[in-house]
């Protein structure tokens, strides 16, 4: 059974579209890696555990650093619940809290 990568809803789709083009391309590349090789074979520097069931896809481009926060769901799905451009060294607590709140709706 293969993995699929999807976004939670239209809000997350809009967040992805707001990312710079090179960062979106990097997200698409990492999503393809996950789908072709399986999430268990894709590790750092591409993905990293944050807390609980929340993980991040690490994106770096010419225009800066961004993150896509995701959770795994039934049926070998990676569901992206939040994307944002990163301005500080540490992922802001408010971004983690927002992602965890959105993740509650994912089965």
PDB file of N, CA and C in Angstrom:
ATOM      1  N   UNK A   1       0.840  -1.186   0.000  1.00  0.00           N
ATOM      2  CA  UNK A   1       0.000   0.000   0.000  1.00  0.00           C
ATOM      3  C   UNK A   1       0.884   1.248   0.000  1.00  0.00           C
ATOM      4  N   UNK A   2       0.568   2.191  -0.852  1.00  0.00           N
ATOM      5  CA  UNK A   2       1.391   3.391  -0.992  1.00  0.00           C
ATOM      6  C   UNK A   2       0.843   4.533  -0.148  1.00  0.00           C
ATOM      7  N   UNK A   3       1.700   5.490   0.105  1.00  0.00           N
ATOM      8  CA  UNK A   3       1.328   6.696   0.851  1.00  0.00           C
ATOM      9  C   UNK A   3       0.771   7.732  -0.114  1.00  0.00           C
ATOM     10  N   UNK A   4      -0.146   8.565   0.390  1.00  0.00           N
ATOM     11  CA  UNK A   4      -0.629   9.722  -0.366  1.00  0.00           C
ATOM     12  C   UNK A   4      -0.415  10.966   0.484  1.00  0.00           C
ATOM     13  N   UNK A   5      -0.183  12.082  -0.183  1.00  0.00           N
ATOM     14  CA  UNK A   5       0.002  13.365   0.492  1.00  0.00           C
ATOM     15  C   UNK A   5      -1.136  14.268   0.045  1.00  0.00           C
ATOM     16  N   UNK A   6      -1.844  14.860   1.015  1.00  0.00           N
ATOM     17  CA  UNK A   6      -2.979  15.729   0.714  1.00  0.00           C
ATOM     18  C   UNK A   6      -3.027  16.878   1.703  1.00  0.00           C
ATOM     19  N   UNK A   7      -3.822  17.886   1.363  1.00  0.00           N
ATOM     20  CA  UNK A   7      -4.020  19.002   2.286  1.00  0.00           C
ATOM     21  C   UNK A   7      -5.361  18.817   2.994  1.00  0.00           C
ATOM     22  N   UNK A   8      -5.494  19.441   4.151  1.00  0.00           N
ATOM     23  CA  UNK A   8      -6.692  19.284   4.964  1.00  0.00           C
ATOM     24  C   UNK A   8      -7.915  19.913   4.306  1.00  0.00           C
ATOM     25  N   UNK A   9      -7.783  21.148   3.814  1.00  0.00           N
ATOM     26  CA  UNK A   9      -8.940  21.865   3.261  1.00  0.00           C
ATOM     27  C   UNK A   9      -8.486  23.023   2.376  1.00  0.00           C
ATOM     28  N   UNK A  10      -9.442  23.869   1.975  1.00  0.00           N
ATOM     29  CA  UNK A  10      -9.146  24.993   1.089  1.00  0.00           C
ATOM     30  C   UNK A  10      -8.254  26.027   1.762  1.00  0.00           C
ATOM     31  N   UNK A  11      -8.363  26.173   3.072  1.00  0.00           N
ATOM     32  CA  UNK A  11      -7.522  27.119   3.800  1.00  0.00           C
ATOM     33  C   UNK A  11      -6.055  26.737   3.653  1.00  0.00           C
ATOM     34  N   UNK A  12      -5.763  25.453   3.817  1.00  0.00           N
ATOM     35  CA  UNK A  12      -4.384  24.975   3.679  1.00  0.00           C
ATOM     36  C   UNK A  12      -3.939  25.084   2.217  1.00  0.00           C
ATOM     37  N   UNK A  13      -4.851  24.823   1.275  1.00  0.00           N
ATOM     38  CA  UNK A  13      -4.518  25.002  -0.143  1.00  0.00           C
ATOM     39  C   UNK A  13      -4.080  26.441  -0.408  1.00  0.00           C
ATOM     40  N   UNK A  14      -4.792  27.405   0.177  1.00  0.00           N
ATOM     41  CA  UNK A  14      -4.454  28.820   0.008  1.00  0.00           C
ATOM     42  C   UNK A  14      -3.101  29.140   0.641  1.00  0.00           C
ATOM     43  N   UNK A  15      -2.808  28.522   1.796  1.00  0.00           N
ATOM     44  CA  UNK A  15      -1.505  28.730   2.438  1.00  0.00           C
ATOM     45  C   UNK A  15      -0.371  28.205   1.556  1.00  0.00           C
ATOM     46  N   UNK A  16      -0.598  27.048   0.935  1.00  0.00           N
ATOM     47  CA  UNK A  16       0.411  26.473   0.040  1.00  0.00           C
ATOM     48  C   UNK A  16       0.610  27.391  -1.168  1.00  0.00           C
ATOM     49  N   UNK A  17      -0.474  27.888  -1.731  1.00  0.00           N
ATOM     50  CA  UNK A  17      -0.386  28.771  -2.894  1.00  0.00           C
ATOM     51  C   UNK A  17       0.316  30.079  -2.549  1.00  0.00           C
ATOM     52  N   UNK A  18       0.249  30.518  -1.294  1.00  0.00           N
ATOM     53  CA  UNK A  18       0.894  31.758  -0.869  1.00  0.00           C
ATOM     54  C   UNK A  18       2.406  31.611  -0.714  1.00  0.00           C
ATOM     55  N   UNK A  19       2.904  30.376  -0.683  1.00  0.00           N
ATOM     56  CA  UNK A  19       4.347  30.161  -0.576  1.00  0.00           C
ATOM     57  C   UNK A  19       5.027  30.576  -1.878  1.00  0.00           C
ATOM     58  N   UNK A  20       6.293  30.994  -1.804  1.00  0.00           N
ATOM     59  CA  UNK A  20       7.029  31.309  -3.037  1.00  0.00           C
ATOM     60  C   UNK A  20       7.107  30.081  -3.957  1.00  0.00           C
ATOM     61  N   UNK A  21       7.256  30.326  -5.244  1.00  0.00           N
ATOM     62  CA  UNK A  21       7.234  29.253  -6.244  1.00  0.00           C
ATOM     63  C   UNK A  21       8.299  28.195  -5.990  1.00  0.00           C
ATOM     64  N   UNK A  22       9.517  28.604  -5.632  1.00  0.00           N
ATOM     65  CA  UNK A  22      10.569  27.604  -5.416  1.00  0.00           C
ATOM     66  C   UNK A  22      10.281  26.745  -4.188  1.00  0.00           C
ATOM     67  N   UNK A  23       9.636  27.312  -3.195  1.00  0.00           N
ATOM     68  CA  UNK A  23       9.269  26.555  -1.995  1.00  0.00           C
ATOM     69  C   UNK A  23       8.145  25.574  -2.298  1.00  0.00           C
ATOM     70  N   UNK A  24       7.175  26.006  -3.101  1.00  0.00           N
ATOM     71  CA  UNK A  24       6.088  25.099  -3.515  1.00  0.00           C
ATOM     72  C   UNK A  24       6.650  23.928  -4.305  1.00  0.00           C
ATOM     73  N   UNK A  25       7.626  24.196  -5.162  1.00  0.00           N
ATOM     74  CA  UNK A  25       8.251  23.129  -5.958  1.00  0.00           C
ATOM     75  C   UNK A  25       8.962  22.139  -5.032  1.00  0.00           C
ATOM     76  N   UNK A  26       9.617  22.640  -4.004  1.00  0.00           N
ATOM     77  CA  UNK A  26      10.296  21.766  -3.034  1.00  0.00           C
ATOM     78  C   UNK A  26       9.274  20.901  -2.293  1.00  0.00           C
ATOM     79  N   UNK A  27       8.133  21.492  -1.910  1.00  0.00           N
ATOM     80  CA  UNK A  27       7.073  20.732  -1.239  1.00  0.00           C
ATOM     81  C   UNK A  27       6.565  19.621  -2.156  1.00  0.00           C
ATOM     82  N   UNK A  28       6.372  19.935  -3.425  1.00  0.00           N
ATOM     83  CA  UNK A  28       5.901  18.929  -4.389  1.00  0.00           C
ATOM     84  C   UNK A  28       6.928  17.802  -4.532  1.00  0.00           C
ATOM     85  N   UNK A  29       8.216  18.163  -4.534  1.00  0.00           N
ATOM     86  CA  UNK A  29       9.281  17.160  -4.661  1.00  0.00           C
ATOM     87  C   UNK A  29       9.306  16.221  -3.455  1.00  0.00           C
ATOM     88  N   UNK A  30       9.186  16.779  -2.255  1.00  0.00           N
ATOM     89  CA  UNK A  30       9.210  15.946  -1.050  1.00  0.00           C
ATOM     90  C   UNK A  30       7.946  15.087  -0.978  1.00  0.00           C
ATOM     91  N   UNK A  31       6.796  15.644  -1.381  1.00  0.00           N
ATOM     92  CA  UNK A  31       5.556  14.863  -1.414  1.00  0.00           C
ATOM     93  C   UNK A  31       5.708  13.673  -2.364  1.00  0.00           C
ATOM     94  N   UNK A  32       6.351  13.904  -3.502  1.00  0.00           N
ATOM     95  CA  UNK A  32       6.567  12.811  -4.463  1.00  0.00           C
ATOM     96  C   UNK A  32       7.498  11.751  -3.873  1.00  0.00           C
ATOM     97  N   UNK A  33       8.545  12.189  -3.141  1.00  0.00           N
ATOM     98  CA  UNK A  33       9.432  11.242  -2.457  1.00  0.00           C
ATOM     99  C   UNK A  33       8.653  10.352  -1.494  1.00  0.00           C
ATOM    100  N   UNK A  34       7.757  10.970  -0.721  1.00  0.00           N
ATOM    101  CA  UNK A  34       6.947  10.225   0.250  1.00  0.00           C
ATOM    102  C   UNK A  34       6.051   9.222  -0.476  1.00  0.00           C
ATOM    103  N   UNK A  35       5.400   9.670  -1.547  1.00  0.00           N
ATOM    104  CA  UNK A  35       4.481   8.792  -2.270  1.00  0.00           C
ATOM    105  C   UNK A  35       5.211   7.641  -2.959  1.00  0.00           C
ATOM    106  N   UNK A  36       6.403   7.896  -3.489  1.00  0.00           N
ATOM    107  CA  UNK A  36       7.132   6.850  -4.222  1.00  0.00           C
ATOM    108  C   UNK A  36       7.894   5.895  -3.309  1.00  0.00           C
ATOM    109  N   UNK A  37       8.482   6.419  -2.215  1.00  0.00           N
ATOM    110  CA  UNK A  37       9.346   5.603  -1.357  1.00  0.00           C
ATOM    111  C   UNK A  37       8.722   5.205  -0.036  1.00  0.00           C
ATOM    112  N   UNK A  38       7.651   5.866   0.362  1.00  0.00           N
ATOM    113  CA  UNK A  38       7.042   5.595   1.648  1.00  0.00           C
ATOM    114  C   UNK A  38       7.558   6.562   2.710  1.00  0.00           C
ATOM    115  N   UNK A  39       6.691   6.961   3.592  1.00  0.00           N
ATOM    116  CA  UNK A  39       7.041   7.942   4.621  1.00  0.00           C
ATOM    117  C   UNK A  39       8.154   7.434   5.524  1.00  0.00           C
ATOM    118  N   UNK A  40       8.154   6.139   5.801  1.00  0.00           N
ATOM    119  CA  UNK A  40       9.163   5.581   6.700  1.00  0.00           C
ATOM    120  C   UNK A  40      10.580   5.669   6.128  1.00  0.00           C
ATOM    121  N   UNK A  41      10.708   5.847   4.814  1.00  0.00           N
ATOM    122  CA  UNK A  41      12.035   5.934   4.183  1.00  0.00           C
ATOM    123  C   UNK A  41      12.500   7.372   3.971  1.00  0.00           C
ATOM    124  N   UNK A  42      11.629   8.338   4.244  1.00  0.00           N
ATOM    125  CA  UNK A  42      11.986   9.747   4.073  1.00  0.00           C
ATOM    126  C   UNK A  42      12.198  10.330   5.472  1.00  0.00           C
ATOM    127  N   UNK A  43      13.416  10.709   5.768  1.00  0.00           N
ATOM    128  CA  UNK A  43      13.738  11.232   7.098  1.00  0.00           C
ATOM    129  C   UNK A  43      14.345  12.615   7.008  1.00  0.00           C
ATOM    130  N   UNK A  44      15.127  12.955   8.034  1.00  0.00           N
ATOM    131  CA  UNK A  44      15.800  14.246   8.021  1.00  0.00           C
ATOM    132  C   UNK A  44      16.777  14.281   6.853  1.00  0.00           C
ATOM    133  N   UNK A  45      16.982  15.357   6.204  1.00  0.00           N
ATOM    134  CA  UNK A  45      16.536  16.708   6.552  1.00  0.00           C
ATOM    135  C   UNK A  45      15.157  17.069   6.018  1.00  0.00           C
ATOM    136  N   UNK A  46      14.452  16.136   5.373  1.00  0.00           N
ATOM    137  CA  UNK A  46      13.167  16.457   4.753  1.00  0.00           C
ATOM    138  C   UNK A  46      12.026  16.551   5.751  1.00  0.00           C
ATOM    139  N   UNK A  47      11.939  15.612   6.681  1.00  0.00           N
ATOM    140  CA  UNK A  47      10.865  15.615   7.671  1.00  0.00           C
ATOM    141  C   UNK A  47      11.451  15.486   9.075  1.00  0.00           C
ATOM    142  N   UNK A  48      10.723  16.052  10.045  1.00  0.00           N
ATOM    143  CA  UNK A  48      11.187  16.009  11.425  1.00  0.00           C
ATOM    144  C   UNK A  48       9.979  16.019  12.353  1.00  0.00           C
ATOM    145  N   UNK A  49      10.078  15.287  13.460  1.00  0.00           N
ATOM    146  CA  UNK A  49       9.007  15.228  14.452  1.00  0.00           C
ATOM    147  C   UNK A  49       8.973  16.525  15.257  1.00  0.00           C
ATOM    148  N   UNK A  50       7.760  17.026  15.510  1.00  0.00           N
ATOM    149  CA  UNK A  50       7.590  18.238  16.318  1.00  0.00           C
ATOM    150  C   UNK A  50       7.133  17.864  17.724  1.00  0.00           C
ATOM    151  N   UNK A  51       5.921  17.333  17.834  1.00  0.00           N
ATOM    152  CA  UNK A  51       5.399  16.867  19.120  1.00  0.00           C
ATOM    153  C   UNK A  51       4.125  16.074  18.887  1.00  0.00           C
ATOM    154  N   UNK A  52       3.866  15.119  19.767  1.00  0.00           N
ATOM    155  CA  UNK A  52       2.664  14.294  19.627  1.00  0.00           C
ATOM    156  C   UNK A  52       2.614  13.647  18.261  1.00  0.00           C
ATOM    157  N   UNK A  53       1.507  13.842  17.569  1.00  0.00           N
ATOM    158  CA  UNK A  53       1.381  13.264  16.228  1.00  0.00           C
ATOM    159  C   UNK A  53       1.736  14.256  15.122  1.00  0.00           C
ATOM    160  N   UNK A  54       2.271  15.404  15.502  1.00  0.00           N
ATOM    161  CA  UNK A  54       2.592  16.472  14.556  1.00  0.00           C
ATOM    162  C   UNK A  54       4.043  16.377  14.077  1.00  0.00           C
ATOM    163  N   UNK A  55       4.213  16.435  12.752  1.00  0.00           N
ATOM    164  CA  UNK A  55       5.521  16.399  12.095  1.00  0.00           C
ATOM    165  C   UNK A  55       5.623  17.586  11.157  1.00  0.00           C
ATOM    166  N   UNK A  56       6.829  17.878  10.665  1.00  0.00           N
ATOM    167  CA  UNK A  56       6.995  18.971   9.717  1.00  0.00           C
ATOM    168  C   UNK A  56       7.774  18.511   8.496  1.00  0.00           C
ATOM    169  N   UNK A  57       7.386  19.067   7.343  1.00  0.00           N
ATOM    170  CA  UNK A  57       8.168  18.941   6.121  1.00  0.00           C
ATOM    171  C   UNK A  57       8.971  20.231   6.052  1.00  0.00           C
ATOM    172  N   UNK A  58      10.286  20.090   5.958  1.00  0.00           N
ATOM    173  CA  UNK A  58      11.186  21.243   6.014  1.00  0.00           C
ATOM    174  C   UNK A  58      11.488  21.725   4.601  1.00  0.00           C
ATOM    175  N   UNK A  59      11.188  22.987   4.359  1.00  0.00           N
ATOM    176  CA  UNK A  59      11.314  23.558   3.019  1.00  0.00           C
ATOM    177  C   UNK A  59      12.286  24.733   3.048  1.00  0.00           C
ATOM    178  N   UNK A  60      13.255  24.709   2.155  1.00  0.00           N
ATOM    179  CA  UNK A  60      14.211  25.810   2.047  1.00  0.00           C
ATOM    180  C   UNK A  60      14.307  26.198   0.576  1.00  0.00           C
ATOM    181  N   UNK A  61      14.209  27.498   0.322  1.00  0.00           N
ATOM    182  CA  UNK A  61      14.318  27.986  -1.044  1.00  0.00           C
ATOM    183  C   UNK A  61      15.110  29.281  -1.072  1.00  0.00           C
ATOM    184  N   UNK A  62      15.247  29.852  -2.247  1.00  0.00           N
ATOM    185  CA  UNK A  62      15.966  31.110  -2.386  1.00  0.00           C
ATOM    186  C   UNK A  62      15.300  32.219  -1.592  1.00  0.00           C
ATOM    187  N   UNK A  63      14.001  32.134  -1.439  1.00  0.00           N
ATOM    188  CA  UNK A  63      13.248  33.195  -0.768  1.00  0.00           C
ATOM    189  C   UNK A  63      13.114  32.979   0.738  1.00  0.00           C
ATOM    190  N   UNK A  64      13.728  31.939   1.282  1.00  0.00           N
ATOM    191  CA  UNK A  64      13.678  31.737   2.727  1.00  0.00           C
ATOM    192  C   UNK A  64      13.287  30.319   3.113  1.00  0.00           C
ATOM    193  N   UNK A  65      12.936  30.193   4.381  1.00  0.00           N
ATOM    194  CA  UNK A  65      12.601  28.888   4.953  1.00  0.00           C
ATOM    195  C   UNK A  65      11.110  28.836   5.243  1.00  0.00           C
ATOM    196  N   UNK A  66      10.485  27.715   4.912  1.00  0.00           N
ATOM    197  CA  UNK A  66       9.075  27.498   5.197  1.00  0.00           C
ATOM    198  C   UNK A  66       8.899  26.121   5.802  1.00  0.00           C
ATOM    199  N   UNK A  67       7.746  25.897   6.391  1.00  0.00           N
ATOM    200  CA  UNK A  67       7.410  24.608   6.974  1.00  0.00           C
ATOM    201  C   UNK A  67       5.990  24.223   6.580  1.00  0.00           C
ATOM    202  N   UNK A  68       5.789  22.915   6.390  1.00  0.00           N
ATOM    203  CA  UNK A  68       4.457  22.348   6.190  1.00  0.00           C
ATOM    204  C   UNK A  68       4.256  21.352   7.327  1.00  0.00           C
ATOM    205  N   UNK A  69       3.336  21.646   8.220  1.00  0.00           N
ATOM    206  CA  UNK A  69       3.072  20.772   9.361  1.00  0.00           C
ATOM    207  C   UNK A  69       2.020  19.749   8.951  1.00  0.00           C
ATOM    208  N   UNK A  70       2.248  18.490   9.334  1.00  0.00           N
ATOM    209  CA  UNK A  70       1.321  17.429   8.919  1.00  0.00           C
ATOM    210  C   UNK A  70       1.133  16.392  10.009  1.00  0.00           C
ATOM    211  N   UNK A  71       0.070  15.601   9.832  1.00  0.00           N
ATOM    212  CA  UNK A  71      -0.182  14.424  10.660  1.00  0.00           C
ATOM    213  C   UNK A  71      -0.426  13.256   9.714  1.00  0.00           C
ATOM    214  N   UNK A  72      -0.249  12.049  10.222  1.00  0.00           N
ATOM    215  CA  UNK A  72      -0.580  10.875   9.423  1.00  0.00           C
ATOM    216  C   UNK A  72      -2.000  10.448   9.777  1.00  0.00           C
ATOM    217  N   UNK A  73      -2.659   9.839   8.808  1.00  0.00           N
ATOM    218  CA  UNK A  73      -4.047   9.445   8.989  1.00  0.00           C
ATOM    219  C   UNK A  73      -4.251   8.017   8.523  1.00  0.00           C
ATOM    220  N   UNK A  74      -5.398   7.463   8.857  1.00  0.00           N
ATOM    221  CA  UNK A  74      -5.764   6.105   8.462  1.00  0.00           C
ATOM    222  C   UNK A  74      -5.661   5.981   6.939  1.00  0.00           C
ATOM    223  N   UNK A  75      -5.144   4.867   6.483  1.00  0.00           N
ATOM    224  CA  UNK A  75      -5.023   4.628   5.054  1.00  0.00           C
ATOM    225  C   UNK A  75      -3.722   5.134   4.482  1.00  0.00           C
ATOM    226  N   UNK A  76      -2.700   5.252   5.339  1.00  0.00           N
ATOM    227  CA  UNK A  76      -1.375   5.700   4.904  1.00  0.00           C
ATOM    228  C   UNK A  76      -1.449   7.035   4.178  1.00  0.00           C
ATOM    229  N   UNK A  77      -2.076   7.997   4.849  1.00  0.00           N
ATOM    230  CA  UNK A  77      -2.207   9.341   4.295  1.00  0.00           C
ATOM    231  C   UNK A  77      -1.386  10.320   5.124  1.00  0.00           C
ATOM    232  N   UNK A  78      -0.715  11.240   4.442  1.00  0.00           N
ATOM    233  CA  UNK A  78      -0.063  12.378   5.077  1.00  0.00           C
ATOM    234  C   UNK A  78      -0.973  13.566   4.807  1.00  0.00           C
ATOM    235  N   UNK A  79      -1.492  14.179   5.882  1.00  0.00           N
ATOM    236  CA  UNK A  79      -2.422  15.294   5.734  1.00  0.00           C
ATOM    237  C   UNK A  79      -1.731  16.567   6.227  1.00  0.00           C
ATOM    238  N   UNK A  80      -1.469  17.490   5.311  1.00  0.00           N
ATOM    239  CA  UNK A  80      -0.855  18.765   5.658  1.00  0.00           C
ATOM    240  C   UNK A  80      -1.932  19.652   6.271  1.00  0.00           C
ATOM    241  N   UNK A  81      -1.681  20.116   7.505  1.00  0.00           N
ATOM    242  CA  UNK A  81      -2.683  20.911   8.222  1.00  0.00           C
ATOM    243  C   UNK A  81      -2.303  22.388   8.332  1.00  0.00           C
ATOM    244  N   UNK A  82      -1.042  22.751   8.057  1.00  0.00           N
ATOM    245  CA  UNK A  82      -0.610  24.152   8.150  1.00  0.00           C
ATOM    246  C   UNK A  82       0.692  24.349   7.385  1.00  0.00           C
ATOM    247  N   UNK A  83       0.777  25.431   6.610  1.00  0.00           N
ATOM    248  CA  UNK A  83       2.037  25.823   5.992  1.00  0.00           C
ATOM    249  C   UNK A  83       2.288  27.291   6.305  1.00  0.00           C
ATOM    250  N   UNK A  84       3.547  27.637   6.477  1.00  0.00           N
ATOM    251  CA  UNK A  84       3.894  29.028   6.784  1.00  0.00           C
ATOM    252  C   UNK A  84       5.360  29.275   6.472  1.00  0.00           C
ATOM    253  N   UNK A  85       5.701  30.549   6.282  1.00  0.00           N
ATOM    254  CA  UNK A  85       7.092  30.953   6.118  1.00  0.00           C
ATOM    255  C   UNK A  85       7.671  31.165   7.501  1.00  0.00           C
ATOM    256  N   UNK A  86       8.841  30.641   7.698  1.00  0.00           N
ATOM    257  CA  UNK A  86       9.467  30.662   9.020  1.00  0.00           C
ATOM    258  C   UNK A  86      10.368  31.889   9.155  1.00  0.00           C
ATOM    259  N   UNK A  87      10.194  32.631  10.244  1.00  0.00           N
ATOM    260  CA  UNK A  87      10.966  33.848  10.466  1.00  0.00           C
ATOM    261  C   UNK A  87      11.949  33.721  11.631  1.00  0.00           C
ATOM    262  N   UNK A  88      11.733  32.736  12.510  1.00  0.00           N
ATOM    263  CA  UNK A  88      12.580  32.561  13.683  1.00  0.00           C
ATOM    264  C   UNK A  88      13.246  31.194  13.621  1.00  0.00           C
ATOM    265  N   UNK A  89      14.246  30.984  14.469  1.00  0.00           N
ATOM    266  CA  UNK A  89      14.957  29.711  14.465  1.00  0.00           C
ATOM    267  C   UNK A  89      14.055  28.567  14.921  1.00  0.00           C
ATOM    268  N   UNK A  90      13.256  28.816  15.934  1.00  0.00           N
ATOM    269  CA  UNK A  90      12.370  27.792  16.486  1.00  0.00           C
ATOM    270  C   UNK A  90      10.962  27.970  15.910  1.00  0.00           C
ATOM    271  N   UNK A  91      10.271  26.860  15.658  1.00  0.00           N
ATOM    272  CA  UNK A  91       8.902  26.943  15.160  1.00  0.00           C
ATOM    273  C   UNK A  91       8.028  27.611  16.216  1.00  0.00           C
ATOM    274  N   UNK A  92       7.319  28.697  15.850  1.00  0.00           N
ATOM    275  CA  UNK A  92       6.508  29.417  16.837  1.00  0.00           C
ATOM    276  C   UNK A  92       5.427  28.534  17.462  1.00  0.00           C
ATOM    277  N   UNK A  93       5.218  28.719  18.741  1.00  0.00           N
ATOM    278  CA  UNK A  93       4.232  27.933  19.493  1.00  0.00           C
ATOM    279  C   UNK A  93       2.827  28.111  18.920  1.00  0.00           C
ATOM    280  N   UNK A  94       2.497  29.323  18.472  1.00  0.00           N
ATOM    281  CA  UNK A  94       1.146  29.566  17.925  1.00  0.00           C
ATOM    282  C   UNK A  94       0.896  28.757  16.661  1.00  0.00           C
ATOM    283  N   UNK A  95       1.966  28.534  15.856  1.00  0.00           N
ATOM    284  CA  UNK A  95       1.826  27.720  14.645  1.00  0.00           C
ATOM    285  C   UNK A  95       1.573  26.254  15.008  1.00  0.00           C
ATOM    286  N   UNK A  96       2.279  25.774  16.022  1.00  0.00           N
ATOM    287  CA  UNK A  96       2.083  24.395  16.497  1.00  0.00           C
ATOM    288  C   UNK A  96       0.673  24.228  17.048  1.00  0.00           C
ATOM    289  N   UNK A  97       0.221  25.207  17.855  1.00  0.00           N
ATOM    290  CA  UNK A  97      -1.121  25.136  18.439  1.00  0.00           C
ATOM    291  C   UNK A  97      -2.196  25.130  17.353  1.00  0.00           C
ATOM    292  N   UNK A  98      -2.032  25.968  16.340  1.00  0.00           N
ATOM    293  CA  UNK A  98      -3.000  26.018  15.238  1.00  0.00           C
ATOM    294  C   UNK A  98      -3.020  24.689  14.482  1.00  0.00           C
ATOM    295  N   UNK A  99      -1.843  24.135  14.214  1.00  0.00           N
ATOM    296  CA  UNK A  99      -1.768  22.852  13.506  1.00  0.00           C
ATOM    297  C   UNK A  99      -2.407  21.733  14.316  1.00  0.00           C
ATOM    298  N   UNK A 100      -2.149  21.710  15.625  1.00  0.00           N
ATOM    299  CA  UNK A 100      -2.750  20.673  16.479  1.00  0.00           C
ATOM    300  C   UNK A 100      -4.271  20.809  16.522  1.00  0.00           C
ATOM    301  N   UNK A 101      -4.764  22.043  16.556  1.00  0.00           N
ATOM    302  CA  UNK A 101      -6.228  22.253  16.548  1.00  0.00           C
ATOM    303  C   UNK A 101      -6.836  21.751  15.240  1.00  0.00           C
ATOM    304  N   UNK A 102      -6.189  22.053  14.131  1.00  0.00           N
ATOM    305  CA  UNK A 102      -6.696  21.571  12.839  1.00  0.00           C
ATOM    306  C   UNK A 102      -6.587  20.053  12.740  1.00  0.00           C
ATOM    307  N   UNK A 103      -5.552  19.478  13.332  1.00  0.00           N
ATOM    308  CA  UNK A 103      -5.329  18.032  13.241  1.00  0.00           C
ATOM    309  C   UNK A 103      -6.404  17.225  13.962  1.00  0.00           C
ATOM    310  N   UNK A 104      -7.123  17.846  14.889  1.00  0.00           N
ATOM    311  CA  UNK A 104      -8.178  17.122  15.615  1.00  0.00           C
ATOM    312  C   UNK A 104      -9.265  16.596  14.686  1.00  0.00           C
ATOM    313  N   UNK A 105      -9.440  17.227  13.517  1.00  0.00           N
ATOM    314  CA  UNK A 105     -10.476  16.794  12.581  1.00  0.00           C
ATOM    315  C   UNK A 105     -10.005  15.680  11.657  1.00  0.00           C
ATOM    316  N   UNK A 106      -8.740  15.291  11.753  1.00  0.00           N
ATOM    317  CA  UNK A 106      -8.178  14.264  10.857  1.00  0.00           C
ATOM    318  C   UNK A 106      -8.267  12.899  11.525  1.00  0.00           C
ATOM    319  N   UNK A 107      -8.815  11.929  10.805  1.00  0.00           N
ATOM    320  CA  UNK A 107      -8.910  10.553  11.311  1.00  0.00           C
ATOM    321  C   UNK A 107      -7.793   9.709  10.753  1.00  0.00           C
TER     322      UNK A 107
END
